[in-house]
Structures are given as structure tokens and as C-alpha cells.
Amino acid sequence: QKQEKPSLKTLENLISRHKVTVIAIGNGTASRETEALAAQLSIPYLIVSEAGASVYSASPQAKKEFPNLDVSLRGAVSIARRVLDPLAELIKIDPKSVGVGMYQHDLDEPKLDRELSDVVESVVHSVGVELNTASAPLLSHVGGIGPKTAERIVEYREKNGAFPDRKTLLEVKGLGPKAFELAAGFIRVR
């Protein structure tokens, strides 16, 4: 109670300094208290599922993306990114970590893995992938593109800048005409 006013002032200063337009609040520990505080601010807030955020925050992928951040801050970034692009963020987490259901451990694990993988690929294909912003984990779920090729696409993009069109993908080492044919329908370039 005593710390609420200074906390609000600090939040307002951070919001102003960083031009924050929305606050993402994880639905875990102390989310209700945080929501009560956010409700007193002048910008909107969202309650976001934390499912799998802790798994991501301790992963090699998170360490690679944010080598200088603490695990809890990596988790916070993951929660905020879910507001911007849920698929791009959730794809970095093993679907089993998100929580498929309370009886998921009773299922045949290889079959569950196959089914979850099929669902992930289906969703990626339904939504599509923006070539110039997609991460390697997201690209690796596009038909015709595996993890190694996805890494090469990201490396090519970092070295040469944005892809002007899909056909430029053919310049990426390891991505031939057949892989391009499989992937092109699920990739967009803005």
C-alpha cells in the first residue's frame, strides 16, 4: 500500500520514456496485484498466458537471443512478444510445455509428439510466415525448410538485408527449386 504511489510514478515514467502503448501482464504469480496497479495507469493492459514462458526463458534459443538478460527478464520478453505475434513466440516452445491437457502424460509420447508437430505445421501453413521477420524456429516449420536451412535463411537476411521477393530465397545455400516450391506458398514478403 505504502509503495503503490512511488511504484505508479516509476511505471508512468517508464511508460513515457519508452513510449509504451500497451502492457502485457503474465497470468502467473501476483498477476491480480499487478493488474490492479496497471488499471490505475492511462494505457491499456492485457493478461497473457505464461504457459511455457519459463521453459523458453531457460532455453538455448532465449540465451542466444538475449545473452545479457536474466532468466526472469527473458520470460517477461516472451510474454510481451505474445501480444505482438503469438505464433512467432509460441513456436519457440515445445508444444508439450504449453500444456496440452491434464492427461497428456497418459498418451503414447511418440504419437503425441507427431500429432503436436502436425498441428504446429498446419497452423504455420494456415497463418503463413513473413520472410523478413520470421525467426529460424518459425521458418523451420514451413514445408520444405528444415532447421539448418532456416538458420541459413536468417543468416542470409542478416548479411544481405531484407528479401525483396520470395524468389530471392533460391540464393540461400541449401534451398533448391523443390524446397522453394514446397515453401513458397506459405511465405510472404512485405
C-alpha atoms as a PDB file:
ATOM      1  CA  GLN A   1       0.000   0.000   0.000  1.00  0.00           C
ATOM      2  CA  LYS A   2       2.739   2.483   1.012  1.00  0.00           C
ATOM      3  CA  GLN A   3       4.818   1.565  -2.031  1.00  0.00           C
ATOM      4  CA  GLU A   4       1.949   1.922  -4.500  1.00  0.00           C
ATOM      5  CA  LYS A   5       2.332   5.662  -5.234  1.00  0.00           C
ATOM      6  CA  PRO A   6       6.101   5.524  -5.869  1.00  0.00           C
ATOM      7  CA  SER A   7       5.582   2.377  -7.971  1.00  0.00           C
ATOM      8  CA  LEU A   8       2.924   4.110 -10.070  1.00  0.00           C
ATOM      9  CA  LYS A   9       5.185   7.122 -10.584  1.00  0.00           C
ATOM     10  CA  THR A  10       8.062   4.859 -11.664  1.00  0.00           C
ATOM     11  CA  LEU A  11       5.772   2.998 -14.082  1.00  0.00           C
ATOM     12  CA  GLU A  12       4.431   6.249 -15.542  1.00  0.00           C
ATOM     13  CA  ASN A  13       7.983   7.499 -16.112  1.00  0.00           C
ATOM     14  CA  LEU A  14       8.997   4.228 -17.809  1.00  0.00           C
ATOM     15  CA  ILE A  15       5.857   4.259 -19.979  1.00  0.00           C
ATOM     16  CA  SER A  16       6.578   7.822 -21.064  1.00  0.00           C
ATOM     17  CA  ARG A  17      10.305   7.301 -21.652  1.00  0.00           C
ATOM     18  CA  HIS A  18       9.865   4.104 -23.691  1.00  0.00           C
ATOM     19  CA  LYS A  19       6.628   5.174 -25.446  1.00  0.00           C
ATOM     20  CA  VAL A  20       4.762   2.089 -24.214  1.00  0.00           C
ATOM     21  CA  THR A  21       1.309   1.675 -25.786  1.00  0.00           C
ATOM     22  CA  VAL A  22       0.123  -1.485 -24.031  1.00  0.00           C
ATOM     23  CA  ILE A  23       1.191  -3.527 -21.004  1.00  0.00           C
ATOM     24  CA  ALA A  24       1.321  -7.332 -21.093  1.00  0.00           C
ATOM     25  CA  ILE A  25       0.806  -8.965 -17.694  1.00  0.00           C
ATOM     26  CA  GLY A  26       1.565 -12.662 -17.264  1.00  0.00           C
ATOM     27  CA  ASN A  27      -1.270 -14.637 -15.666  1.00  0.00           C
ATOM     28  CA  GLY A  28       1.000 -16.233 -13.048  1.00  0.00           C
ATOM     29  CA  THR A  29       2.064 -15.249  -9.549  1.00  0.00           C
ATOM     30  CA  ALA A  30       0.890 -11.785  -8.426  1.00  0.00           C
ATOM     31  CA  SER A  31      -0.930 -11.125 -11.698  1.00  0.00           C
ATOM     32  CA  ARG A  32      -4.014  -9.784  -9.894  1.00  0.00           C
ATOM     33  CA  GLU A  33      -1.950  -7.336  -7.860  1.00  0.00           C
ATOM     34  CA  THR A  34      -0.109  -6.230 -10.997  1.00  0.00           C
ATOM     35  CA  GLU A  35      -3.417  -5.847 -12.833  1.00  0.00           C
ATOM     36  CA  ALA A  36      -4.777  -3.641 -10.027  1.00  0.00           C
ATOM     37  CA  LEU A  37      -1.711  -1.419 -10.393  1.00  0.00           C
ATOM     38  CA  ALA A  38      -1.922  -1.339 -14.213  1.00  0.00           C
ATOM     39  CA  ALA A  39      -5.620  -0.419 -14.045  1.00  0.00           C
ATOM     40  CA  GLN A  40      -4.597   2.896 -12.479  1.00  0.00           C
ATOM     41  CA  LEU A  41      -2.441   3.804 -15.484  1.00  0.00           C
ATOM     42  CA  SER A  42      -3.564   5.644 -18.599  1.00  0.00           C
ATOM     43  CA  ILE A  43      -2.733   2.884 -21.110  1.00  0.00           C
ATOM     44  CA  PRO A  44      -4.444  -0.446 -21.799  1.00  0.00           C
ATOM     45  CA  TYR A  45      -3.176  -3.745 -20.450  1.00  0.00           C
ATOM     46  CA  LEU A  46      -3.686  -7.392 -21.364  1.00  0.00           C
ATOM     47  CA  ILE A  47      -3.492 -10.552 -19.283  1.00  0.00           C
ATOM     48  CA  VAL A  48      -1.360 -13.050 -21.212  1.00  0.00           C
ATOM     49  CA  SER A  49      -0.899 -16.769 -20.624  1.00  0.00           C
ATOM     50  CA  GLU A  50       2.505 -17.581 -19.160  1.00  0.00           C
ATOM     51  CA  ALA A  51       2.298 -21.208 -20.296  1.00  0.00           C
ATOM     52  CA  GLY A  52       5.763 -22.295 -21.388  1.00  0.00           C
ATOM     53  CA  ALA A  53       7.392 -18.887 -20.804  1.00  0.00           C
ATOM     54  CA  SER A  54       9.704 -20.273 -18.123  1.00  0.00           C
ATOM     55  CA  VAL A  55      10.697 -23.148 -20.426  1.00  0.00           C
ATOM     56  CA  TYR A  56      11.560 -20.682 -23.194  1.00  0.00           C
ATOM     57  CA  SER A  57      13.419 -18.311 -20.851  1.00  0.00           C
ATOM     58  CA  ALA A  58      15.877 -21.061 -19.848  1.00  0.00           C
ATOM     59  CA  SER A  59      16.286 -22.432 -23.390  1.00  0.00           C
ATOM     60  CA  PRO A  60      19.375 -22.129 -25.606  1.00  0.00           C
ATOM     61  CA  GLN A  61      17.247 -20.106 -28.057  1.00  0.00           C
ATOM     62  CA  ALA A  62      16.441 -17.500 -25.372  1.00  0.00           C
ATOM     63  CA  LYS A  63      20.080 -17.382 -24.251  1.00  0.00           C
ATOM     64  CA  LYS A  64      21.110 -16.805 -27.869  1.00  0.00           C
ATOM     65  CA  GLU A  65      18.527 -14.037 -28.361  1.00  0.00           C
ATOM     66  CA  PHE A  66      19.132 -12.315 -25.014  1.00  0.00           C
ATOM     67  CA  PRO A  67      22.552 -13.321 -23.677  1.00  0.00           C
ATOM     68  CA  ASN A  68      22.696 -10.364 -21.275  1.00  0.00           C
ATOM     69  CA  LEU A  69      19.252 -10.780 -19.721  1.00  0.00           C
ATOM     70  CA  ASP A  70      18.333 -12.674 -16.570  1.00  0.00           C
ATOM     71  CA  VAL A  71      16.023 -15.687 -16.977  1.00  0.00           C
ATOM     72  CA  SER A  72      13.059 -13.821 -15.444  1.00  0.00           C
ATOM     73  CA  LEU A  73      13.505 -10.917 -17.879  1.00  0.00           C
ATOM     74  CA  ARG A  74      13.671 -13.329 -20.823  1.00  0.00           C
ATOM     75  CA  GLY A  75      10.341 -14.738 -19.639  1.00  0.00           C
ATOM     76  CA  ALA A  76       8.887 -11.218 -19.457  1.00  0.00           C
ATOM     77  CA  VAL A  77      10.042 -10.513 -23.019  1.00  0.00           C
ATOM     78  CA  SER A  78       8.401 -13.751 -24.174  1.00  0.00           C
ATOM     79  CA  ILE A  79       5.103 -12.768 -22.540  1.00  0.00           C
ATOM     80  CA  ALA A  80       5.197  -9.317 -24.165  1.00  0.00           C
ATOM     81  CA  ARG A  81       6.058 -10.761 -27.580  1.00  0.00           C
ATOM     82  CA  ARG A  82       2.987 -12.995 -27.388  1.00  0.00           C
ATOM     83  CA  VAL A  83       0.894  -9.843 -27.698  1.00  0.00           C
ATOM     84  CA  LEU A  84       2.734  -8.772 -30.859  1.00  0.00           C
ATOM     85  CA  ASP A  85       2.959 -12.130 -32.637  1.00  0.00           C
ATOM     86  CA  PRO A  86       1.723 -15.137 -30.648  1.00  0.00           C
ATOM     87  CA  LEU A  87       2.658 -17.756 -33.250  1.00  0.00           C
ATOM     88  CA  ALA A  88       6.207 -16.463 -33.695  1.00  0.00           C
ATOM     89  CA  GLU A  89       6.735 -16.603 -29.935  1.00  0.00           C
ATOM     90  CA  LEU A  90       4.926 -19.851 -29.081  1.00  0.00           C
ATOM     91  CA  ILE A  91       6.706 -21.721 -31.880  1.00  0.00           C
ATOM     92  CA  LYS A  92       9.920 -21.483 -29.844  1.00  0.00           C
ATOM     93  CA  ILE A  93       8.443 -23.693 -27.127  1.00  0.00           C
ATOM     94  CA  ASP A  94       7.877 -27.448 -27.249  1.00  0.00           C
ATOM     95  CA  PRO A  95       4.070 -27.737 -27.536  1.00  0.00           C
ATOM     96  CA  LYS A  96       4.033 -30.195 -24.613  1.00  0.00           C
ATOM     97  CA  SER A  97       5.387 -27.404 -22.388  1.00  0.00           C
ATOM     98  CA  VAL A  98       2.375 -25.226 -23.131  1.00  0.00           C
ATOM     99  CA  GLY A  99       0.139 -27.848 -21.537  1.00  0.00           C
ATOM    100  CA  VAL A 100      -1.987 -29.928 -23.854  1.00  0.00           C
ATOM    101  CA  GLY A 101      -4.235 -31.184 -21.081  1.00  0.00           C
ATOM    102  CA  MET A 102      -4.142 -32.814 -17.698  1.00  0.00           C
ATOM    103  CA  TYR A 103      -3.969 -36.320 -19.191  1.00  0.00           C
ATOM    104  CA  GLN A 104      -1.268 -35.621 -21.790  1.00  0.00           C
ATOM    105  CA  HIS A 105       1.207 -37.782 -19.826  1.00  0.00           C
ATOM    106  CA  ASP A 106      -1.097 -40.786 -20.238  1.00  0.00           C
ATOM    107  CA  LEU A 107      -0.745 -40.665 -24.024  1.00  0.00           C
ATOM    108  CA  ASP A 108       1.787 -42.524 -26.154  1.00  0.00           C
ATOM    109  CA  GLU A 109       4.643 -39.977 -26.251  1.00  0.00           C
ATOM    110  CA  PRO A 110       5.863 -40.572 -29.839  1.00  0.00           C
ATOM    111  CA  LYS A 111       2.285 -40.351 -31.116  1.00  0.00           C
ATOM    112  CA  LEU A 112       1.654 -37.174 -29.097  1.00  0.00           C
ATOM    113  CA  ASP A 113       4.863 -35.654 -30.494  1.00  0.00           C
ATOM    114  CA  ARG A 114       3.806 -36.494 -34.070  1.00  0.00           C
ATOM    115  CA  GLU A 115       0.301 -35.098 -33.604  1.00  0.00           C
ATOM    116  CA  LEU A 116       1.539 -31.901 -31.963  1.00  0.00           C
ATOM    117  CA  SER A 117       4.147 -31.450 -34.692  1.00  0.00           C
ATOM    118  CA  ASP A 118       1.442 -31.874 -37.350  1.00  0.00           C
ATOM    119  CA  VAL A 119      -0.765 -29.294 -35.629  1.00  0.00           C
ATOM    120  CA  VAL A 120       2.106 -26.796 -35.362  1.00  0.00           C
ATOM    121  CA  GLU A 121       2.972 -27.223 -39.038  1.00  0.00           C
ATOM    122  CA  SER A 122      -0.693 -26.893 -40.003  1.00  0.00           C
ATOM    123  CA  VAL A 123      -1.041 -23.646 -38.041  1.00  0.00           C
ATOM    124  CA  VAL A 124       2.172 -22.223 -39.523  1.00  0.00           C
ATOM    125  CA  HIS A 125       0.898 -23.045 -43.009  1.00  0.00           C
ATOM    126  CA  SER A 126      -2.546 -21.581 -42.298  1.00  0.00           C
ATOM    127  CA  VAL A 127      -1.158 -18.328 -40.910  1.00  0.00           C
ATOM    128  CA  GLY A 128       1.877 -18.060 -43.177  1.00  0.00           C
ATOM    129  CA  VAL A 129       5.293 -16.636 -42.392  1.00  0.00           C
ATOM    130  CA  GLU A 130       6.699 -13.155 -43.020  1.00  0.00           C
ATOM    131  CA  LEU A 131      10.100 -13.910 -44.551  1.00  0.00           C
ATOM    132  CA  ASN A 132      11.800 -10.715 -43.411  1.00  0.00           C
ATOM    133  CA  THR A 133      10.924 -11.007 -39.722  1.00  0.00           C
ATOM    134  CA  ALA A 134      10.492 -14.742 -39.051  1.00  0.00           C
ATOM    135  CA  SER A 135      12.878 -16.458 -36.649  1.00  0.00           C
ATOM    136  CA  ALA A 136      14.709 -19.653 -37.565  1.00  0.00           C
ATOM    137  CA  PRO A 137      12.442 -21.750 -35.291  1.00  0.00           C
ATOM    138  CA  LEU A 138       9.363 -20.393 -37.092  1.00  0.00           C
ATOM    139  CA  LEU A 139      10.833 -20.847 -40.578  1.00  0.00           C
ATOM    140  CA  SER A 140      11.829 -24.430 -39.755  1.00  0.00           C
ATOM    141  CA  HIS A 141       8.134 -25.386 -39.550  1.00  0.00           C
ATOM    142  CA  VAL A 142       7.433 -24.308 -43.131  1.00  0.00           C
ATOM    143  CA  GLY A 143       7.197 -27.212 -45.580  1.00  0.00           C
ATOM    144  CA  GLY A 144      10.485 -27.674 -47.458  1.00  0.00           C
ATOM    145  CA  ILE A 145      12.537 -25.789 -44.855  1.00  0.00           C
ATOM    146  CA  GLY A 146      14.312 -27.645 -42.069  1.00  0.00           C
ATOM    147  CA  PRO A 147      16.216 -26.229 -39.084  1.00  0.00           C
ATOM    148  CA  LYS A 148      19.552 -25.901 -40.937  1.00  0.00           C
ATOM    149  CA  THR A 149      18.003 -24.163 -43.942  1.00  0.00           C
ATOM    150  CA  ALA A 150      16.016 -21.896 -41.625  1.00  0.00           C
ATOM    151  CA  GLU A 151      19.274 -20.816 -39.955  1.00  0.00           C
ATOM    152  CA  ARG A 152      20.804 -20.153 -43.386  1.00  0.00           C
ATOM    153  CA  ILE A 153      17.804 -18.015 -44.375  1.00  0.00           C
ATOM    154  CA  VAL A 154      18.196 -15.883 -41.240  1.00  0.00           C
ATOM    155  CA  GLU A 155      21.976 -15.602 -41.811  1.00  0.00           C
ATOM    156  CA  TYR A 156      21.389 -14.581 -45.446  1.00  0.00           C
ATOM    157  CA  ARG A 157      18.864 -11.946 -44.328  1.00  0.00           C
ATOM    158  CA  GLU A 158      21.244 -10.566 -41.679  1.00  0.00           C
ATOM    159  CA  LYS A 159      24.089 -10.363 -44.206  1.00  0.00           C
ATOM    160  CA  ASN A 160      22.169  -9.077 -47.264  1.00  0.00           C
ATOM    161  CA  GLY A 161      19.222  -7.234 -45.777  1.00  0.00           C
ATOM    162  CA  ALA A 162      15.530  -7.833 -46.377  1.00  0.00           C
ATOM    163  CA  PHE A 163      14.386 -10.224 -49.066  1.00  0.00           C
ATOM    164  CA  PRO A 164      12.820  -8.171 -51.893  1.00  0.00           C
ATOM    165  CA  ASP A 165      10.721 -11.158 -53.014  1.00  0.00           C
ATOM    166  CA  ARG A 166      10.283 -14.899 -52.462  1.00  0.00           C
ATOM    167  CA  LYS A 167      12.413 -15.892 -55.474  1.00  0.00           C
ATOM    168  CA  THR A 168      15.490 -14.470 -53.749  1.00  0.00           C
ATOM    169  CA  LEU A 169      15.199 -17.456 -51.390  1.00  0.00           C
ATOM    170  CA  LEU A 170      16.778 -19.517 -54.174  1.00  0.00           C
ATOM    171  CA  GLU A 171      20.060 -17.691 -53.447  1.00  0.00           C
ATOM    172  CA  VAL A 172      20.169 -19.244 -49.969  1.00  0.00           C
ATOM    173  CA  LYS A 173      22.626 -22.140 -49.844  1.00  0.00           C
ATOM    174  CA  GLY A 174      20.824 -25.459 -49.431  1.00  0.00           C
ATOM    175  CA  LEU A 175      17.431 -24.241 -50.639  1.00  0.00           C
ATOM    176  CA  GLY A 176      16.836 -25.666 -54.093  1.00  0.00           C
ATOM    177  CA  PRO A 177      13.924 -25.417 -56.527  1.00  0.00           C
ATOM    178  CA  LYS A 178      11.983 -28.302 -54.947  1.00  0.00           C
ATOM    179  CA  ALA A 179      12.239 -26.897 -51.405  1.00  0.00           C
ATOM    180  CA  PHE A 180      11.297 -23.475 -52.791  1.00  0.00           C
ATOM    181  CA  GLU A 181       8.241 -24.973 -54.479  1.00  0.00           C
ATOM    182  CA  LEU A 182       7.146 -26.564 -51.188  1.00  0.00           C
ATOM    183  CA  ALA A 183       7.735 -23.424 -49.109  1.00  0.00           C
ATOM    184  CA  ALA A 184       6.749 -20.540 -51.394  1.00  0.00           C
ATOM    185  CA  GLY A 185       3.007 -20.805 -50.820  1.00  0.00           C
ATOM    186  CA  PHE A 186       3.412 -20.318 -47.075  1.00  0.00           C
ATOM    187  CA  ILE A 187       5.830 -17.392 -47.188  1.00  0.00           C
ATOM    188  CA  ARG A 188       5.008 -13.742 -47.717  1.00  0.00           C
ATOM    189  CA  VAL A 189       7.241 -10.709 -48.240  1.00  0.00           C
ATOM    190  CA  ARG A 190       6.085  -7.247 -47.218  1.00  0.00           C
END
